[in-house]
Amino acid sequence: MSVANDLLGAAGGVVASLSSGAPEAALGFLLYGAVSIYTTLLILRIFLSWVRVGPWGGGWFTRFLYDVTEPVLAIFRGLIPPLGMIDLSPLVVFFLLQLLKGAIRAFFFAA
């Protein structure tokens, strides 16, 4: 439910910011919404990896998830070695995305 709240809040914030003449806040809401969408896609990809759906075995949506998330995960996969069969790169990327959302809130919406 938090993802839906983030996305609806971001969309409403963009509209309210633009109508009140605050383009900086609208940019903040757009960035926050984009990071929320990417976080959601990453969570879906993690779930699909648990149920053993490979990048080419689950149809167009699974391919889309892998195409969108793999470039970022590949960077961290090269930096962080796996622990046995456990790939820690999605966890690290998820944590960094949460930090980025906090930074966006602090930078654009600090009182």
PDB file of N, CA and C in Angstrom:
ATOM      1  N   MET A   1       0.816  -1.180   0.000  1.00  0.00           N
ATOM      2  CA  MET A   1       0.000   0.000   0.000  1.00  0.00           C
ATOM      3  C   MET A   1       0.866   1.253   0.000  1.00  0.00           C
ATOM      4  N   SER A   2       2.061   1.166   0.540  1.00  0.00           N
ATOM      5  CA  SER A   2       2.954   2.312   0.589  1.00  0.00           C
ATOM      6  C   SER A   2       3.353   2.768  -0.809  1.00  0.00           C
ATOM      7  N   VAL A   3       3.541   1.818  -1.714  1.00  0.00           N
ATOM      8  CA  VAL A   3       3.909   2.168  -3.086  1.00  0.00           C
ATOM      9  C   VAL A   3       2.790   2.960  -3.737  1.00  0.00           C
ATOM     10  N   ALA A   4       1.561   2.508  -3.567  1.00  0.00           N
ATOM     11  CA  ALA A   4       0.423   3.236  -4.131  1.00  0.00           C
ATOM     12  C   ALA A   4       0.327   4.630  -3.524  1.00  0.00           C
ATOM     13  N   ASN A   5       0.546   4.742  -2.222  1.00  0.00           N
ATOM     14  CA  ASN A   5       0.527   6.059  -1.576  1.00  0.00           C
ATOM     15  C   ASN A   5       1.626   6.955  -2.116  1.00  0.00           C
ATOM     16  N   ASP A   6       2.828   6.389  -2.303  1.00  0.00           N
ATOM     17  CA  ASP A   6       3.935   7.170  -2.857  1.00  0.00           C
ATOM     18  C   ASP A   6       3.596   7.694  -4.246  1.00  0.00           C
ATOM     19  N   LEU A   7       3.060   6.817  -5.085  1.00  0.00           N
ATOM     20  CA  LEU A   7       2.775   7.214  -6.466  1.00  0.00           C
ATOM     21  C   LEU A   7       1.629   8.210  -6.547  1.00  0.00           C
ATOM     22  N   LEU A   8       0.563   7.963  -5.797  1.00  0.00           N
ATOM     23  CA  LEU A   8      -0.555   8.910  -5.801  1.00  0.00           C
ATOM     24  C   LEU A   8      -0.147  10.244  -5.187  1.00  0.00           C
ATOM     25  N   GLY A   9       0.642  10.186  -4.136  1.00  0.00           N
ATOM     26  CA  GLY A   9       1.131  11.422  -3.525  1.00  0.00           C
ATOM     27  C   GLY A   9       2.034  12.199  -4.460  1.00  0.00           C
ATOM     28  N   ALA A  10       2.886  11.489  -5.198  1.00  0.00           N
ATOM     29  CA  ALA A  10       3.770  12.157  -6.152  1.00  0.00           C
ATOM     30  C   ALA A  10       2.971  12.792  -7.279  1.00  0.00           C
ATOM     31  N   ALA A  11       1.990  12.069  -7.808  1.00  0.00           N
ATOM     32  CA  ALA A  11       1.169  12.616  -8.896  1.00  0.00           C
ATOM     33  C   ALA A  11       0.388  13.835  -8.418  1.00  0.00           C
ATOM     34  N   GLY A  12      -0.222  13.731  -7.257  1.00  0.00           N
ATOM     35  CA  GLY A  12      -0.948  14.871  -6.702  1.00  0.00           C
ATOM     36  C   GLY A  12      -0.034  16.041  -6.396  1.00  0.00           C
ATOM     37  N   GLY A  13       1.167  15.730  -5.922  1.00  0.00           N
ATOM     38  CA  GLY A  13       2.134  16.784  -5.621  1.00  0.00           C
ATOM     39  C   GLY A  13       2.593  17.525  -6.856  1.00  0.00           C
ATOM     40  N   VAL A  14       2.786  16.804  -7.954  1.00  0.00           N
ATOM     41  CA  VAL A  14       3.182  17.450  -9.208  1.00  0.00           C
ATOM     42  C   VAL A  14       2.099  18.422  -9.652  1.00  0.00           C
ATOM     43  N   VAL A  15       0.859  17.961  -9.649  1.00  0.00           N
ATOM     44  CA  VAL A  15      -0.256  18.812 -10.083  1.00  0.00           C
ATOM     45  C   VAL A  15      -0.385  20.033  -9.171  1.00  0.00           C
ATOM     46  N   ALA A  16      -0.350  19.807  -7.864  1.00  0.00           N
ATOM     47  CA  ALA A  16      -0.489  20.918  -6.921  1.00  0.00           C
ATOM     48  C   ALA A  16       0.677  21.896  -7.038  1.00  0.00           C
ATOM     49  N   SER A  17       1.887  21.376  -7.218  1.00  0.00           N
ATOM     50  CA  SER A  17       3.063  22.243  -7.319  1.00  0.00           C
ATOM     51  C   SER A  17       3.021  23.093  -8.578  1.00  0.00           C
ATOM     52  N   LEU A  18       2.649  22.474  -9.683  1.00  0.00           N
ATOM     53  CA  LEU A  18       2.588  23.231 -10.932  1.00  0.00           C
ATOM     54  C   LEU A  18       1.473  24.266 -10.903  1.00  0.00           C
ATOM     55  N   SER A  19       0.349  23.923 -10.298  1.00  0.00           N
ATOM     56  CA  SER A  19      -0.764  24.877 -10.254  1.00  0.00           C
ATOM     57  C   SER A  19      -0.488  26.034  -9.296  1.00  0.00           C
ATOM     58  N   SER A  20       0.386  25.814  -8.309  1.00  0.00           N
ATOM     59  CA  SER A  20       0.716  26.890  -7.374  1.00  0.00           C
ATOM     60  C   SER A  20       1.993  27.625  -7.769  1.00  0.00           C
ATOM     61  N   GLY A  21       2.589  27.254  -8.896  1.00  0.00           N
ATOM     62  CA  GLY A  21       3.782  27.947  -9.375  1.00  0.00           C
ATOM     63  C   GLY A  21       5.051  27.563  -8.644  1.00  0.00           C
ATOM     64  N   ALA A  22       5.198  26.298  -8.299  1.00  0.00           N
ATOM     65  CA  ALA A  22       6.401  25.818  -7.611  1.00  0.00           C
ATOM     66  C   ALA A  22       7.038  24.695  -8.425  1.00  0.00           C
ATOM     67  N   PRO A  23       7.759  25.044  -9.511  1.00  0.00           N
ATOM     68  CA  PRO A  23       8.322  23.990 -10.366  1.00  0.00           C
ATOM     69  C   PRO A  23       9.390  23.143  -9.673  1.00  0.00           C
ATOM     70  N   GLU A  24      10.083  23.713  -8.681  1.00  0.00           N
ATOM     71  CA  GLU A  24      11.100  22.923  -7.968  1.00  0.00           C
ATOM     72  C   GLU A  24      10.449  21.778  -7.201  1.00  0.00           C
ATOM     73  N   ALA A  25       9.329  22.074  -6.566  1.00  0.00           N
ATOM     74  CA  ALA A  25       8.612  21.025  -5.838  1.00  0.00           C
ATOM     75  C   ALA A  25       8.066  19.983  -6.801  1.00  0.00           C
ATOM     76  N   ALA A  26       7.599  20.423  -7.973  1.00  0.00           N
ATOM     77  CA  ALA A  26       7.105  19.473  -8.975  1.00  0.00           C
ATOM     78  C   ALA A  26       8.221  18.536  -9.409  1.00  0.00           C
ATOM     79  N   LEU A  27       9.438  19.083  -9.585  1.00  0.00           N
ATOM     80  CA  LEU A  27      10.585  18.240  -9.940  1.00  0.00           C
ATOM     81  C   LEU A  27      10.864  17.230  -8.832  1.00  0.00           C
ATOM     82  N   GLY A  28      10.782  17.671  -7.594  1.00  0.00           N
ATOM     83  CA  GLY A  28      10.986  16.757  -6.469  1.00  0.00           C
ATOM     84  C   GLY A  28       9.966  15.633  -6.456  1.00  0.00           C
ATOM     85  N   PHE A  29       8.704  15.974  -6.702  1.00  0.00           N
ATOM     86  CA  PHE A  29       7.663  14.944  -6.745  1.00  0.00           C
ATOM     87  C   PHE A  29       7.881  13.984  -7.915  1.00  0.00           C
ATOM     88  N   LEU A  30       8.316  14.509  -9.061  1.00  0.00           N
ATOM     89  CA  LEU A  30       8.596  13.633 -10.213  1.00  0.00           C
ATOM     90  C   LEU A  30       9.737  12.668  -9.906  1.00  0.00           C
ATOM     91  N   LEU A  31      10.815  13.181  -9.326  1.00  0.00           N
ATOM     92  CA  LEU A  31      11.946  12.316  -8.973  1.00  0.00           C
ATOM     93  C   LEU A  31      11.538  11.267  -7.946  1.00  0.00           C
ATOM     94  N   TYR A  32      10.788  11.700  -6.946  1.00  0.00           N
ATOM     95  CA  TYR A  32      10.334  10.773  -5.907  1.00  0.00           C
ATOM     96  C   TYR A  32       9.455   9.677  -6.512  1.00  0.00           C
ATOM     97  N   GLY A  33       8.558  10.059  -7.406  1.00  0.00           N
ATOM     98  CA  GLY A  33       7.701   9.079  -8.076  1.00  0.00           C
ATOM     99  C   GLY A  33       8.496   8.114  -8.934  1.00  0.00           C
ATOM    100  N   ALA A  34       9.510   8.631  -9.648  1.00  0.00           N
ATOM    101  CA  ALA A  34      10.331   7.766 -10.501  1.00  0.00           C
ATOM    102  C   ALA A  34      11.101   6.747  -9.664  1.00  0.00           C
ATOM    103  N   VAL A  35      11.660   7.185  -8.546  1.00  0.00           N
ATOM    104  CA  VAL A  35      12.389   6.258  -7.669  1.00  0.00           C
ATOM    105  C   VAL A  35      11.425   5.235  -7.074  1.00  0.00           C
ATOM    106  N   SER A  36      10.218   5.653  -6.746  1.00  0.00           N
ATOM    107  CA  SER A  36       9.218   4.718  -6.213  1.00  0.00           C
ATOM    108  C   SER A  36       8.842   3.664  -7.251  1.00  0.00           C
ATOM    109  N   ILE A  37       8.675   4.082  -8.489  1.00  0.00           N
ATOM    110  CA  ILE A  37       8.355   3.127  -9.560  1.00  0.00           C
ATOM    111  C   ILE A  37       9.500   2.144  -9.744  1.00  0.00           C
ATOM    112  N   TYR A  38      10.739   2.649  -9.776  1.00  0.00           N
ATOM    113  CA  TYR A  38      11.888   1.759  -9.959  1.00  0.00           C
ATOM    114  C   TYR A  38      12.005   0.783  -8.787  1.00  0.00           C
ATOM    115  N   THR A  39      11.748   1.254  -7.577  1.00  0.00           N
ATOM    116  CA  THR A  39      11.778   0.376  -6.404  1.00  0.00           C
ATOM    117  C   THR A  39      10.747  -0.737  -6.542  1.00  0.00           C
ATOM    118  N   THR A  40       9.566  -0.387  -7.022  1.00  0.00           N
ATOM    119  CA  THR A  40       8.512  -1.385  -7.230  1.00  0.00           C
ATOM    120  C   THR A  40       8.941  -2.422  -8.260  1.00  0.00           C
ATOM    121  N   LEU A  41       9.545  -1.969  -9.349  1.00  0.00           N
ATOM    122  CA  LEU A  41      10.016  -2.902 -10.378  1.00  0.00           C
ATOM    123  C   LEU A  41      11.099  -3.824  -9.824  1.00  0.00           C
ATOM    124  N   LEU A  42      11.977  -3.276  -8.994  1.00  0.00           N
ATOM    125  CA  LEU A  42      13.024  -4.094  -8.378  1.00  0.00           C
ATOM    126  C   LEU A  42      12.419  -5.153  -7.457  1.00  0.00           C
ATOM    127  N   ILE A  43      11.424  -4.777  -6.669  1.00  0.00           N
ATOM    128  CA  ILE A  43      10.767  -5.738  -5.774  1.00  0.00           C
ATOM    129  C   ILE A  43      10.097  -6.844  -6.586  1.00  0.00           C
ATOM    130  N   LEU A  44       9.435  -6.484  -7.669  1.00  0.00           N
ATOM    131  CA  LEU A  44       8.807  -7.497  -8.526  1.00  0.00           C
ATOM    132  C   LEU A  44       9.849  -8.442  -9.113  1.00  0.00           C
ATOM    133  N   ARG A  45      10.982  -7.890  -9.521  1.00  0.00           N
ATOM    134  CA  ARG A  45      12.029  -8.752 -10.075  1.00  0.00           C
ATOM    135  C   ARG A  45      12.572  -9.700  -9.008  1.00  0.00           C
ATOM    136  N   ILE A  46      12.760  -9.207  -7.808  1.00  0.00           N
ATOM    137  CA  ILE A  46      13.242 -10.068  -6.728  1.00  0.00           C
ATOM    138  C   ILE A  46      12.246 -11.198  -6.485  1.00  0.00           C
ATOM    139  N   PHE A  47      10.967 -10.867  -6.439  1.00  0.00           N
ATOM    140  CA  PHE A  47       9.949 -11.895  -6.242  1.00  0.00           C
ATOM    141  C   PHE A  47       9.998 -12.928  -7.362  1.00  0.00           C
ATOM    142  N   LEU A  48      10.107 -12.482  -8.602  1.00  0.00           N
ATOM    143  CA  LEU A  48      10.149 -13.425  -9.721  1.00  0.00           C
ATOM    144  C   LEU A  48      11.391 -14.308  -9.671  1.00  0.00           C
ATOM    145  N   SER A  49      12.487 -13.791  -9.136  1.00  0.00           N
ATOM    146  CA  SER A  49      13.681 -14.635  -9.026  1.00  0.00           C
ATOM    147  C   SER A  49      13.477 -15.729  -7.983  1.00  0.00           C
ATOM    148  N   TRP A  50      12.638 -15.482  -6.994  1.00  0.00           N
ATOM    149  CA  TRP A  50      12.358 -16.495  -5.977  1.00  0.00           C
ATOM    150  C   TRP A  50      11.493 -17.617  -6.519  1.00  0.00           C
ATOM    151  N   VAL A  51      10.625 -17.311  -7.458  1.00  0.00           N
ATOM    152  CA  VAL A  51       9.746 -18.343  -8.006  1.00  0.00           C
ATOM    153  C   VAL A  51      10.322 -18.948  -9.284  1.00  0.00           C
ATOM    154  N   ARG A  52      11.597 -18.702  -9.500  1.00  0.00           N
ATOM    155  CA  ARG A  52      12.346 -19.329 -10.598  1.00  0.00           C
ATOM    156  C   ARG A  52      11.821 -18.978 -11.986  1.00  0.00           C
ATOM    157  N   VAL A  53      11.496 -17.720 -12.198  1.00  0.00           N
ATOM    158  CA  VAL A  53      11.148 -17.272 -13.541  1.00  0.00           C
ATOM    159  C   VAL A  53      12.359 -16.522 -14.067  1.00  0.00           C
ATOM    160  N   GLY A  54      13.018 -17.069 -15.069  1.00  0.00           N
ATOM    161  CA  GLY A  54      14.182 -16.433 -15.656  1.00  0.00           C
ATOM    162  C   GLY A  54      13.786 -15.282 -16.554  1.00  0.00           C
ATOM    163  N   PRO A  55      14.773 -14.535 -17.061  1.00  0.00           N
ATOM    164  CA  PRO A  55      14.448 -13.367 -17.875  1.00  0.00           C
ATOM    165  C   PRO A  55      13.705 -13.702 -19.159  1.00  0.00           C
ATOM    166  N   TRP A  56      13.790 -14.923 -19.638  1.00  0.00           N
ATOM    167  CA  TRP A  56      13.136 -15.255 -20.910  1.00  0.00           C
ATOM    168  C   TRP A  56      12.002 -16.246 -20.733  1.00  0.00           C
ATOM    169  N   GLY A  57      11.675 -16.602 -19.500  1.00  0.00           N
ATOM    170  CA  GLY A  57      10.661 -17.621 -19.301  1.00  0.00           C
ATOM    171  C   GLY A  57       9.306 -17.122 -18.860  1.00  0.00           C
ATOM    172  N   GLY A  58       9.128 -15.826 -18.654  1.00  0.00           N
ATOM    173  CA  GLY A  58       7.879 -15.352 -18.095  1.00  0.00           C
ATOM    174  C   GLY A  58       7.111 -14.383 -18.960  1.00  0.00           C
ATOM    175  N   GLY A  59       7.460 -14.259 -20.208  1.00  0.00           N
ATOM    176  CA  GLY A  59       6.728 -13.351 -21.077  1.00  0.00           C
ATOM    177  C   GLY A  59       7.332 -11.961 -21.124  1.00  0.00           C
ATOM    178  N   TRP A  60       6.595 -11.071 -21.751  1.00  0.00           N
ATOM    179  CA  TRP A  60       7.110  -9.722 -22.007  1.00  0.00           C
ATOM    180  C   TRP A  60       7.335  -8.934 -20.722  1.00  0.00           C
ATOM    181  N   PHE A  61       6.490  -9.114 -19.716  1.00  0.00           N
ATOM    182  CA  PHE A  61       6.644  -8.334 -18.494  1.00  0.00           C
ATOM    183  C   PHE A  61       7.916  -8.720 -17.749  1.00  0.00           C
ATOM    184  N   THR A  62       8.206 -10.001 -17.700  1.00  0.00           N
ATOM    185  CA  THR A  62       9.433 -10.455 -17.043  1.00  0.00           C
ATOM    186  C   THR A  62      10.651  -9.937 -17.783  1.00  0.00           C
ATOM    187  N   ARG A  63      10.621  -9.979 -19.107  1.00  0.00           N
ATOM    188  CA  ARG A  63      11.739  -9.428 -19.888  1.00  0.00           C
ATOM    189  C   ARG A  63      11.890  -7.935 -19.617  1.00  0.00           C
ATOM    190  N   PHE A  64      10.756  -7.228 -19.533  1.00  0.00           N
ATOM    191  CA  PHE A  64      10.795  -5.799 -19.231  1.00  0.00           C
ATOM    192  C   PHE A  64      11.447  -5.547 -17.871  1.00  0.00           C
ATOM    193  N   LEU A  65      11.046  -6.314 -16.849  1.00  0.00           N
ATOM    194  CA  LEU A  65      11.626  -6.143 -15.517  1.00  0.00           C
ATOM    195  C   LEU A  65      13.134  -6.360 -15.534  1.00  0.00           C
ATOM    196  N   TYR A  66      13.569  -7.408 -16.207  1.00  0.00           N
ATOM    197  CA  TYR A  66      15.002  -7.694 -16.273  1.00  0.00           C
ATOM    198  C   TYR A  66      15.735  -6.618 -17.062  1.00  0.00           C
ATOM    199  N   ASP A  67      15.150  -6.149 -18.167  1.00  0.00           N
ATOM    200  CA  ASP A  67      15.796  -5.113 -18.977  1.00  0.00           C
ATOM    201  C   ASP A  67      15.950  -3.803 -18.209  1.00  0.00           C
ATOM    202  N   VAL A  68      14.981  -3.477 -17.379  1.00  0.00           N
ATOM    203  CA  VAL A  68      15.006  -2.212 -16.648  1.00  0.00           C
ATOM    204  C   VAL A  68      15.918  -2.286 -15.426  1.00  0.00           C
ATOM    205  N   THR A  69      15.933  -3.404 -14.738  1.00  0.00           N
ATOM    206  CA  THR A  69      16.683  -3.488 -13.481  1.00  0.00           C
ATOM    207  C   THR A  69      18.104  -4.025 -13.634  1.00  0.00           C
ATOM    208  N   GLU A  70      18.362  -4.798 -14.655  1.00  0.00           N
ATOM    209  CA  GLU A  70      19.674  -5.442 -14.790  1.00  0.00           C
ATOM    210  C   GLU A  70      20.840  -4.463 -14.913  1.00  0.00           C
ATOM    211  N   PRO A  71      20.728  -3.352 -15.662  1.00  0.00           N
ATOM    212  CA  PRO A  71      21.895  -2.461 -15.747  1.00  0.00           C
ATOM    213  C   PRO A  71      22.375  -1.955 -14.387  1.00  0.00           C
ATOM    214  N   VAL A  72      21.467  -1.607 -13.508  1.00  0.00           N
ATOM    215  CA  VAL A  72      21.859  -1.122 -12.178  1.00  0.00           C
ATOM    216  C   VAL A  72      22.371  -2.277 -11.326  1.00  0.00           C
ATOM    217  N   LEU A  73      21.671  -3.400 -11.357  1.00  0.00           N
ATOM    218  CA  LEU A  73      22.105  -4.549 -10.560  1.00  0.00           C
ATOM    219  C   LEU A  73      23.471  -5.059 -11.010  1.00  0.00           C
ATOM    220  N   ALA A  74      23.751  -5.003 -12.304  1.00  0.00           N
ATOM    221  CA  ALA A  74      25.033  -5.494 -12.821  1.00  0.00           C
ATOM    222  C   ALA A  74      26.197  -4.685 -12.257  1.00  0.00           C
ATOM    223  N   ILE A  75      25.992  -3.388 -12.085  1.00  0.00           N
ATOM    224  CA  ILE A  75      27.050  -2.548 -11.508  1.00  0.00           C
ATOM    225  C   ILE A  75      27.397  -3.040 -10.108  1.00  0.00           C
ATOM    226  N   PHE A  76      26.384  -3.254  -9.292  1.00  0.00           N
ATOM    227  CA  PHE A  76      26.628  -3.663  -7.910  1.00  0.00           C
ATOM    228  C   PHE A  76      27.018  -5.131  -7.811  1.00  0.00           C
ATOM    229  N   ARG A  77      26.574  -5.935  -8.747  1.00  0.00           N
ATOM    230  CA  ARG A  77      26.974  -7.340  -8.767  1.00  0.00           C
ATOM    231  C   ARG A  77      28.477  -7.451  -9.024  1.00  0.00           C
ATOM    232  N   GLY A  78      29.018  -6.504  -9.798  1.00  0.00           N
ATOM    233  CA  GLY A  78      30.457  -6.491 -10.042  1.00  0.00           C
ATOM    234  C   GLY A  78      31.254  -6.010  -8.842  1.00  0.00           C
ATOM    235  N   LEU A  79      30.633  -5.232  -7.975  1.00  0.00           N
ATOM    236  CA  LEU A  79      31.321  -4.693  -6.800  1.00  0.00           C
ATOM    237  C   LEU A  79      31.178  -5.567  -5.563  1.00  0.00           C
ATOM    238  N   ILE A  80      30.058  -6.267  -5.459  1.00  0.00           N
ATOM    239  CA  ILE A  80      29.755  -7.057  -4.262  1.00  0.00           C
ATOM    240  C   ILE A  80      29.711  -8.530  -4.643  1.00  0.00           C
ATOM    241  N   PRO A  81      30.647  -9.311  -4.149  1.00  0.00           N
ATOM    242  CA  PRO A  81      30.612 -10.735  -4.493  1.00  0.00           C
ATOM    243  C   PRO A  81      29.428 -11.433  -3.820  1.00  0.00           C
ATOM    244  N   PRO A  82      28.862 -12.445  -4.470  1.00  0.00           N
ATOM    245  CA  PRO A  82      27.743 -13.172  -3.857  1.00  0.00           C
ATOM    246  C   PRO A  82      28.215 -13.996  -2.663  1.00  0.00           C
ATOM    247  N   LEU A  83      27.297 -14.222  -1.745  1.00  0.00           N
ATOM    248  CA  LEU A  83      27.564 -15.103  -0.611  1.00  0.00           C
ATOM    249  C   LEU A  83      26.998 -16.471  -0.953  1.00  0.00           C
ATOM    250  N   GLY A  84      27.831 -17.325  -1.473  1.00  0.00           N
ATOM    251  CA  GLY A  84      27.351 -18.625  -1.940  1.00  0.00           C
ATOM    252  C   GLY A  84      26.429 -18.427  -3.124  1.00  0.00           C
ATOM    253  N   MET A  85      25.175 -18.841  -2.962  1.00  0.00           N
ATOM    254  CA  MET A  85      24.203 -18.679  -4.040  1.00  0.00           C
ATOM    255  C   MET A  85      23.325 -17.445  -3.839  1.00  0.00           C
ATOM    256  N   ILE A  86      23.643 -16.617  -2.856  1.00  0.00           N
ATOM    257  CA  ILE A  86      22.824 -15.449  -2.547  1.00  0.00           C
ATOM    258  C   ILE A  86      23.452 -14.206  -3.162  1.00  0.00           C
ATOM    259  N   ASP A  87      22.692 -13.538  -4.022  1.00  0.00           N
ATOM    260  CA  ASP A  87      23.120 -12.302  -4.661  1.00  0.00           C
ATOM    261  C   ASP A  87      22.646 -11.134  -3.799  1.00  0.00           C
ATOM    262  N   LEU A  88      23.585 -10.381  -3.257  1.00  0.00           N
ATOM    263  CA  LEU A  88      23.239  -9.275  -2.372  1.00  0.00           C
ATOM    264  C   LEU A  88      22.979  -7.966  -3.110  1.00  0.00           C
ATOM    265  N   SER A  89      23.250  -7.920  -4.407  1.00  0.00           N
ATOM    266  CA  SER A  89      23.105  -6.660  -5.137  1.00  0.00           C
ATOM    267  C   SER A  89      21.685  -6.096  -5.095  1.00  0.00           C
ATOM    268  N   PRO A  90      20.612  -6.894  -5.204  1.00  0.00           N
ATOM    269  CA  PRO A  90      19.276  -6.287  -5.097  1.00  0.00           C
ATOM    270  C   PRO A  90      19.027  -5.645  -3.734  1.00  0.00           C
ATOM    271  N   LEU A  91      19.535  -6.252  -2.683  1.00  0.00           N
ATOM    272  CA  LEU A  91      19.366  -5.689  -1.343  1.00  0.00           C
ATOM    273  C   LEU A  91      20.098  -4.353  -1.220  1.00  0.00           C
ATOM    274  N   VAL A  92      21.311  -4.292  -1.748  1.00  0.00           N
ATOM    275  CA  VAL A  92      22.091  -3.055  -1.697  1.00  0.00           C
ATOM    276  C   VAL A  92      21.410  -1.964  -2.518  1.00  0.00           C
ATOM    277  N   VAL A  93      20.942  -2.306  -3.716  1.00  0.00           N
ATOM    278  CA  VAL A  93      20.262  -1.318  -4.562  1.00  0.00           C
ATOM    279  C   VAL A  93      18.976  -0.844  -3.892  1.00  0.00           C
ATOM    280  N   PHE A  94      18.221  -1.752  -3.299  1.00  0.00           N
ATOM    281  CA  PHE A  94      16.996  -1.372  -2.596  1.00  0.00           C
ATOM    282  C   PHE A  94      17.310  -0.394  -1.463  1.00  0.00           C
ATOM    283  N   PHE A  95      18.344  -0.682  -0.692  1.00  0.00           N
ATOM    284  CA  PHE A  95      18.749   0.196   0.404  1.00  0.00           C
ATOM    285  C   PHE A  95      19.153   1.568  -0.124  1.00  0.00           C
ATOM    286  N   LEU A  96      19.923   1.603  -1.202  1.00  0.00           N
ATOM    287  CA  LEU A  96      20.344   2.882  -1.781  1.00  0.00           C
ATOM    288  C   LEU A  96      19.163   3.674  -2.340  1.00  0.00           C
ATOM    289  N   LEU A  97      18.187   2.983  -2.911  1.00  0.00           N
ATOM    290  CA  LEU A  97      16.992   3.674  -3.403  1.00  0.00           C
ATOM    291  C   LEU A  97      16.212   4.305  -2.250  1.00  0.00           C
ATOM    292  N   GLN A  98      16.160   3.621  -1.112  1.00  0.00           N
ATOM    293  CA  GLN A  98      15.483   4.200   0.049  1.00  0.00           C
ATOM    294  C   GLN A  98      16.234   5.433   0.552  1.00  0.00           C
ATOM    295  N   LEU A  99      17.562   5.377   0.535  1.00  0.00           N
ATOM    296  CA  LEU A  99      18.348   6.554   0.907  1.00  0.00           C
ATOM    297  C   LEU A  99      18.108   7.701  -0.072  1.00  0.00           C
ATOM    298  N   LEU A 100      18.014   7.384  -1.357  1.00  0.00           N
ATOM    299  CA  LEU A 100      17.759   8.402  -2.372  1.00  0.00           C
ATOM    300  C   LEU A 100      16.394   9.053  -2.167  1.00  0.00           C
ATOM    301  N   LYS A 101      15.392   8.251  -1.835  1.00  0.00           N
ATOM    302  CA  LYS A 101      14.069   8.821  -1.560  1.00  0.00           C
ATOM    303  C   LYS A 101      14.124   9.768  -0.356  1.00  0.00           C
ATOM    304  N   GLY A 102      14.861   9.385   0.664  1.00  0.00           N
ATOM    305  CA  GLY A 102      15.017  10.266   1.819  1.00  0.00           C
ATOM    306  C   GLY A 102      15.750  11.552   1.465  1.00  0.00           C
ATOM    307  N   ALA A 103      16.769  11.446   0.616  1.00  0.00           N
ATOM    308  CA  ALA A 103      17.507  12.634   0.189  1.00  0.00           C
ATOM    309  C   ALA A 103      16.623  13.559  -0.643  1.00  0.00           C
ATOM    310  N   ILE A 104      15.788  12.991  -1.491  1.00  0.00           N
ATOM    311  CA  ILE A 104      14.865  13.805  -2.289  1.00  0.00           C
ATOM    312  C   ILE A 104      13.892  14.538  -1.375  1.00  0.00           C
ATOM    313  N   ARG A 105      13.358  13.827  -0.390  1.00  0.00           N
ATOM    314  CA  ARG A 105      12.442  14.471   0.567  1.00  0.00           C
ATOM    315  C   ARG A 105      13.147  15.606   1.312  1.00  0.00           C
ATOM    316  N   ALA A 106      14.371  15.350   1.761  1.00  0.00           N
ATOM    317  CA  ALA A 106      15.097  16.359   2.534  1.00  0.00           C
ATOM    318  C   ALA A 106      15.457  17.570   1.676  1.00  0.00           C
ATOM    319  N   PHE A 107      15.844  17.338   0.443  1.00  0.00           N
ATOM    320  CA  PHE A 107      16.291  18.433  -0.416  1.00  0.00           C
ATOM    321  C   PHE A 107      15.130  19.267  -0.942  1.00  0.00           C
ATOM    322  N   PHE A 108      14.082  18.603  -1.413  1.00  0.00           N
ATOM    323  CA  PHE A 108      12.994  19.322  -2.071  1.00  0.00           C
ATOM    324  C   PHE A 108      11.868  19.739  -1.128  1.00  0.00           C
ATOM    325  N   PHE A 109      11.700  19.038  -0.019  1.00  0.00           N
ATOM    326  CA  PHE A 109      10.522  19.280   0.808  1.00  0.00           C
ATOM    327  C   PHE A 109      10.854  19.665   2.243  1.00  0.00           C
ATOM    328  N   ALA A 110      12.108  20.027   2.512  1.00  0.00           N
ATOM    329  CA  ALA A 110      12.487  20.425   3.873  1.00  0.00           C
ATOM    330  C   ALA A 110      11.819  21.755   4.217  1.00  0.00           C
ATOM    331  N   ALA A 111      11.340  21.837   5.424  1.00  0.00           N
ATOM    332  CA  ALA A 111      10.633  23.065   5.848  1.00  0.00           C
ATOM    333  C   ALA A 111      11.600  24.125   6.301  1.00  0.00           C
TER     334      ALA A 111
END
